[in-house]
Amino acid sequence: MEDFERAKDKILMGTERRSVVMPENERKNTAYHESGHAVVAYLLPKTDPVHKVSIIPRGRALGVTMQLPTEDRFSMDRDQILQTISVMFGGRIAEEIFMNQMTTGASNDFERATETARRMVTQWGMSDALGPMVYGENESEVFLGRSVTTHKNVSEATMQKVDAEIRRIIDEQYALARKLIEENRDKIEAMTKALLEWETIDSEQIKAIMENRPPRPPQPPQSKSSATPKEDNKPTSTAAANEGSAQEV
């Protein structure tokens, strides 16, 4: 099972880059950042459960908060999308509150949050102010190196209303995430401490922290037992013993 878990993490989160040595201040900032994502996701009822949080660099990311759905999903409702946007802001807010700084680590979070809010307003008809209407039509023809082109079929005044509605969604979800983090500062601190000590925590440890219980230490990797039983009174060679130790590491 451990091999399957590692394979899943590699596919979903990317390959670990343990050769990357981060300064302690940046490592601490990453721990607060990922704790912010995880705490907001845990507290909001319509987001996917947090499966694992890690501050081991993977791919281009310095840390990862992995959420996994509990069942197959083919669409999302408005509340689910709004709460997902809130989770995206949890990292930057935690940096501001606990580290008193802003870093470039949240750039992808902002990009995805803004794009999601824009689609809610312009494609999915999820704005009460602008109604069930598409604002701007996409053409999927590829030409001259462009994958998608957009034709504006609305007035400048309407586009200003679209921008204002996107701004409203972003501001409301940012405020919600900040409120949750401010009210659960002790959970953020406890989760950050666990991440700095163990680098990766799983769903059971996250649940313990959120329930104000001390998280259990990481489970040690299972050693592979030999299929061939040793004969009685037969000494074990030093080479064999060393080989077994290497496999455990």
Protein backbone atom coordinates (compact mmCIF):
# COMPACT_ATOMS: atom_id res chain seq x y z
CA MET A 1 0.00 0.00 0.00
CA GLU A 2 2.89 2.32 0.73
CA ASP A 3 4.15 1.93 -2.85
CA PHE A 4 0.69 2.76 -4.20
CA GLU A 5 0.51 5.86 -1.98
CA ARG A 6 3.88 7.09 -3.21
CA ALA A 7 2.90 6.48 -6.82
CA LYS A 8 -0.36 8.39 -6.34
CA ASP A 9 1.45 11.31 -4.72
CA LYS A 10 3.94 11.41 -7.59
CA ILE A 11 1.16 11.51 -10.19
CA LEU A 12 -1.09 14.03 -8.39
CA MET A 13 1.49 16.28 -6.70
CA GLY A 14 4.65 15.79 -8.75
CA THR A 15 8.05 14.31 -8.05
CA GLU A 16 9.71 15.19 -4.77
CA ARG A 17 12.75 17.47 -5.08
CA ARG A 18 14.54 16.68 -1.85
CA SER A 19 17.75 18.09 -3.29
CA VAL A 20 16.28 21.60 -2.97
CA VAL A 21 17.53 23.23 0.23
CA MET A 22 15.26 26.10 1.26
CA PRO A 23 16.31 28.78 3.75
CA GLU A 24 14.57 28.26 7.09
CA ASN A 25 12.55 31.47 6.77
CA GLU A 26 11.21 30.43 3.36
CA ARG A 27 10.50 26.93 4.65
CA LYS A 28 8.52 28.44 7.53
CA ASN A 29 6.62 30.70 5.16
CA THR A 30 5.72 27.69 3.00
CA ALA A 31 4.45 25.83 6.06
CA TYR A 32 2.17 28.73 7.02
CA HIS A 33 1.04 29.06 3.40
CA GLU A 34 0.00 25.41 3.07
CA SER A 35 -1.56 25.42 6.55
CA GLY A 36 -3.72 28.34 5.46
CA HIS A 37 -5.02 26.39 2.47
CA ALA A 38 -5.64 23.27 4.56
CA VAL A 39 -7.47 24.96 7.46
CA VAL A 40 -9.82 26.91 5.18
CA ALA A 41 -10.52 23.77 3.13
CA TYR A 42 -11.23 21.74 6.27
CA LEU A 43 -13.67 24.31 7.67
CA LEU A 44 -15.74 24.87 4.53
CA PRO A 45 -18.39 22.14 4.11
CA LYS A 46 -18.54 21.95 0.33
CA THR A 47 -14.84 21.63 -0.48
CA ASP A 48 -13.08 18.33 -1.08
CA PRO A 49 -11.50 16.76 2.05
CA VAL A 50 -7.82 17.52 2.64
CA HIS A 51 -5.90 14.29 2.01
CA LYS A 52 -2.32 15.44 2.59
CA VAL A 53 -0.25 18.56 3.18
CA SER A 54 3.46 18.71 2.40
CA ILE A 55 6.24 21.29 2.38
CA ILE A 56 8.55 19.06 0.34
CA PRO A 57 9.16 20.83 -3.00
CA ARG A 58 7.47 19.02 -5.88
CA GLY A 59 7.75 20.08 -9.50
CA ARG A 60 7.67 23.88 -9.51
CA ALA A 61 5.81 24.11 -6.19
CA LEU A 62 7.51 24.63 -2.82
CA GLY A 63 4.61 22.96 -1.02
CA VAL A 64 1.35 21.18 -1.79
CA THR A 65 -2.08 20.84 -0.20
CA MET A 66 -3.83 17.88 -1.82
CA GLN A 67 -7.62 17.55 -1.71
CA LEU A 68 -9.38 14.44 -2.94
CA PRO A 69 -13.11 14.08 -3.66
CA THR A 70 -15.01 11.33 -1.88
CA GLU A 71 -17.04 10.42 -4.98
CA ASP A 72 -17.16 10.95 -8.73
CA ARG A 73 -18.19 14.45 -9.73
CA PHE A 74 -19.37 15.65 -13.11
CA SER A 75 -20.34 19.23 -12.25
CA MET A 76 -20.07 21.78 -9.43
CA ASP A 77 -22.68 24.09 -7.92
CA ARG A 78 -22.12 27.75 -7.15
CA ASP A 79 -21.41 27.28 -3.44
CA GLN A 80 -18.77 24.66 -4.18
CA ILE A 81 -17.04 26.97 -6.63
CA LEU A 82 -17.16 29.95 -4.26
CA GLN A 83 -15.71 27.92 -1.40
CA THR A 84 -12.98 26.60 -3.69
CA ILE A 85 -12.00 30.20 -4.42
CA SER A 86 -11.81 30.86 -0.67
CA VAL A 87 -9.41 27.94 -0.26
CA MET A 88 -7.13 29.42 -2.93
CA PHE A 89 -6.75 32.60 -0.86
CA GLY A 90 -5.91 30.79 2.39
CA GLY A 91 -2.19 30.60 1.62
CA ARG A 92 -1.57 34.31 0.99
CA ILE A 93 -3.71 35.32 3.98
CA ALA A 94 -1.72 33.04 6.29
CA GLU A 95 1.50 34.63 5.01
CA GLU A 96 0.17 38.10 5.75
CA ILE A 97 -1.11 37.28 9.24
CA PHE A 98 1.67 35.05 10.58
CA MET A 99 4.74 36.13 8.59
CA ASN A 100 3.74 39.77 8.01
CA GLN A 101 4.79 39.57 4.38
CA MET A 102 3.63 38.81 0.85
CA THR A 103 5.50 36.45 -1.46
CA THR A 104 5.24 35.36 -5.07
CA GLY A 105 4.15 31.88 -3.95
CA ALA A 106 0.48 32.82 -4.24
CA SER A 107 0.62 33.93 -7.88
CA ASN A 108 -0.87 30.71 -9.24
CA ASP A 109 -3.59 30.79 -6.56
CA PHE A 110 -4.61 34.29 -7.65
CA GLU A 111 -4.55 33.34 -11.31
CA ARG A 112 -6.84 30.35 -10.78
CA ALA A 113 -9.18 32.26 -8.45
CA THR A 114 -9.57 35.14 -10.89
CA GLU A 115 -10.14 32.82 -13.84
CA THR A 116 -12.73 30.83 -11.89
CA ALA A 117 -14.61 33.97 -10.84
CA ARG A 118 -14.51 35.26 -14.41
CA ARG A 119 -16.01 32.02 -15.73
CA MET A 120 -18.74 32.17 -13.09
CA VAL A 121 -19.78 35.57 -14.41
CA THR A 122 -19.12 35.29 -18.17
CA GLN A 123 -19.74 31.61 -18.97
CA TRP A 124 -21.66 29.81 -16.25
CA GLY A 125 -24.42 32.35 -15.55
CA MET A 126 -23.75 32.34 -11.78
CA SER A 127 -24.04 36.08 -11.21
CA ASP A 128 -27.29 37.44 -9.82
CA ALA A 129 -26.44 40.91 -11.10
CA LEU A 130 -25.76 39.88 -14.70
CA GLY A 131 -27.96 36.80 -14.98
CA PRO A 132 -27.77 33.64 -17.11
CA MET A 133 -25.99 35.04 -20.11
CA VAL A 134 -22.66 34.46 -21.82
CA TYR A 135 -20.45 37.52 -22.12
CA GLY A 136 -17.83 36.97 -24.83
CA GLU A 137 -17.86 33.97 -27.16
CA ASN A 138 -14.84 31.69 -27.54
CA GLU A 139 -13.72 30.23 -30.85
CA SER A 140 -11.62 27.09 -30.59
CA GLU A 141 -10.06 27.30 -34.07
CA VAL A 142 -6.26 27.30 -34.01
CA PHE A 143 -4.49 29.70 -36.33
CA LEU A 144 -1.36 31.82 -36.36
CA GLY A 145 -0.15 30.25 -33.13
CA ARG A 146 -3.26 31.19 -31.13
CA SER A 147 -5.19 28.38 -29.49
CA VAL A 148 -8.36 30.33 -28.63
CA THR A 149 -9.69 33.70 -29.65
CA THR A 150 -12.46 35.67 -27.97
CA HIS A 151 -14.95 37.92 -29.70
CA LYS A 152 -16.42 40.68 -27.56
CA ASN A 153 -20.13 40.89 -28.20
CA VAL A 154 -20.93 43.22 -25.31
CA SER A 155 -20.56 46.93 -24.71
CA GLU A 156 -17.84 48.60 -22.70
CA ALA A 157 -20.36 49.50 -20.00
CA THR A 158 -21.39 45.88 -19.65
CA MET A 159 -17.77 44.77 -19.42
CA GLN A 160 -17.29 47.22 -16.57
CA LYS A 161 -20.21 45.54 -14.78
CA VAL A 162 -18.58 42.16 -15.44
CA ASP A 163 -15.30 43.36 -13.92
CA ALA A 164 -17.14 44.78 -10.92
CA GLU A 165 -18.94 41.48 -10.35
CA ILE A 166 -15.68 39.53 -10.57
CA ARG A 167 -14.16 41.97 -8.06
CA ARG A 168 -17.12 41.42 -5.70
CA ILE A 169 -16.76 37.63 -5.80
CA ILE A 170 -13.01 37.82 -5.18
CA ASP A 171 -13.38 40.28 -2.29
CA GLU A 172 -16.15 38.29 -0.57
CA GLN A 173 -14.29 34.98 -0.72
CA TYR A 174 -11.04 36.63 0.38
CA ALA A 175 -12.84 38.12 3.39
CA LEU A 176 -14.38 34.72 4.24
CA ALA A 177 -11.00 32.98 4.15
CA ARG A 178 -9.42 35.70 6.29
CA LYS A 179 -12.22 35.43 8.87
CA LEU A 180 -11.75 31.65 9.14
CA ILE A 181 -8.00 31.96 9.57
CA GLU A 182 -8.28 34.75 12.15
CA GLU A 183 -10.73 32.62 14.16
CA ASN A 184 -8.48 29.53 13.97
CA ARG A 185 -5.01 30.93 14.54
CA ASP A 186 -4.20 28.11 16.98
CA LYS A 187 -4.95 25.50 14.30
CA ILE A 188 -2.65 27.25 11.84
CA GLU A 189 0.15 27.40 14.40
CA ALA A 190 -0.26 23.73 15.34
CA MET A 191 -0.32 22.59 11.71
CA THR A 192 2.69 24.71 10.83
CA LYS A 193 4.62 23.23 13.74
CA ALA A 194 3.77 19.70 12.58
CA LEU A 195 4.81 20.48 9.00
CA LEU A 196 8.14 21.98 10.06
CA GLU A 197 8.84 18.89 12.15
CA TRP A 198 7.58 16.14 9.83
CA GLU A 199 7.34 17.91 6.40
CA THR A 200 4.24 15.92 5.42
CA ILE A 201 1.01 15.25 7.35
CA ASP A 202 -1.96 13.11 6.33
CA SER A 203 -5.72 13.38 6.80
CA GLU A 204 -5.70 11.72 10.25
CA GLN A 205 -3.10 14.13 11.57
CA ILE A 206 -4.96 17.08 10.05
CA LYS A 207 -8.20 15.95 11.71
CA ALA A 208 -6.46 15.66 15.09
CA ILE A 209 -5.08 19.19 14.79
CA MET A 210 -8.47 20.61 13.83
CA GLU A 211 -10.04 18.84 16.83
CA ASN A 212 -7.42 20.32 19.18
CA ARG A 213 -5.75 16.94 19.73
CA PRO A 214 -2.01 16.31 19.37
CA PRO A 215 -1.31 14.67 16.00
CA ARG A 216 0.32 11.26 16.03
CA PRO A 217 3.87 10.95 14.71
CA PRO A 218 4.27 9.78 11.10
CA GLN A 219 3.92 6.06 10.65
CA PRO A 220 7.30 4.42 9.95
CA PRO A 221 7.68 2.77 6.55
CA GLN A 222 6.90 -0.93 6.60
CA SER A 223 9.99 -3.08 6.21
CA LYS A 224 9.82 -5.91 3.74
CA SER A 225 10.21 -9.25 5.51
CA SER A 226 12.18 -11.98 3.79
CA ALA A 227 10.12 -14.77 2.26
CA THR A 228 12.76 -17.39 3.04
CA PRO A 229 12.97 -18.34 6.75
CA LYS A 230 16.43 -18.38 8.28
CA GLU A 231 17.83 -21.74 9.27
CA ASP A 232 18.50 -22.36 12.96
CA ASN A 233 22.05 -21.88 14.19
CA LYS A 234 23.12 -20.39 10.85
CA PRO A 235 24.99 -17.09 11.23
CA THR A 236 23.76 -14.12 9.27
CA SER A 237 26.43 -12.58 7.08
CA THR A 238 27.41 -8.96 7.50
CA ALA A 239 26.67 -8.31 3.83
CA ALA A 240 23.12 -9.62 4.21
CA ALA A 241 22.55 -7.53 7.33
CA ASN A 242 23.80 -4.39 5.63
CA GLU A 243 21.64 -5.07 2.61
CA GLY A 244 18.54 -5.33 4.78
CA SER A 245 19.28 -1.99 6.45
CA ALA A 246 19.70 -0.33 3.09
CA GLN A 247 16.29 -1.57 1.96
CA GLU A 248 14.62 -0.07 5.04
CA VAL A 249 16.21 3.29 4.36
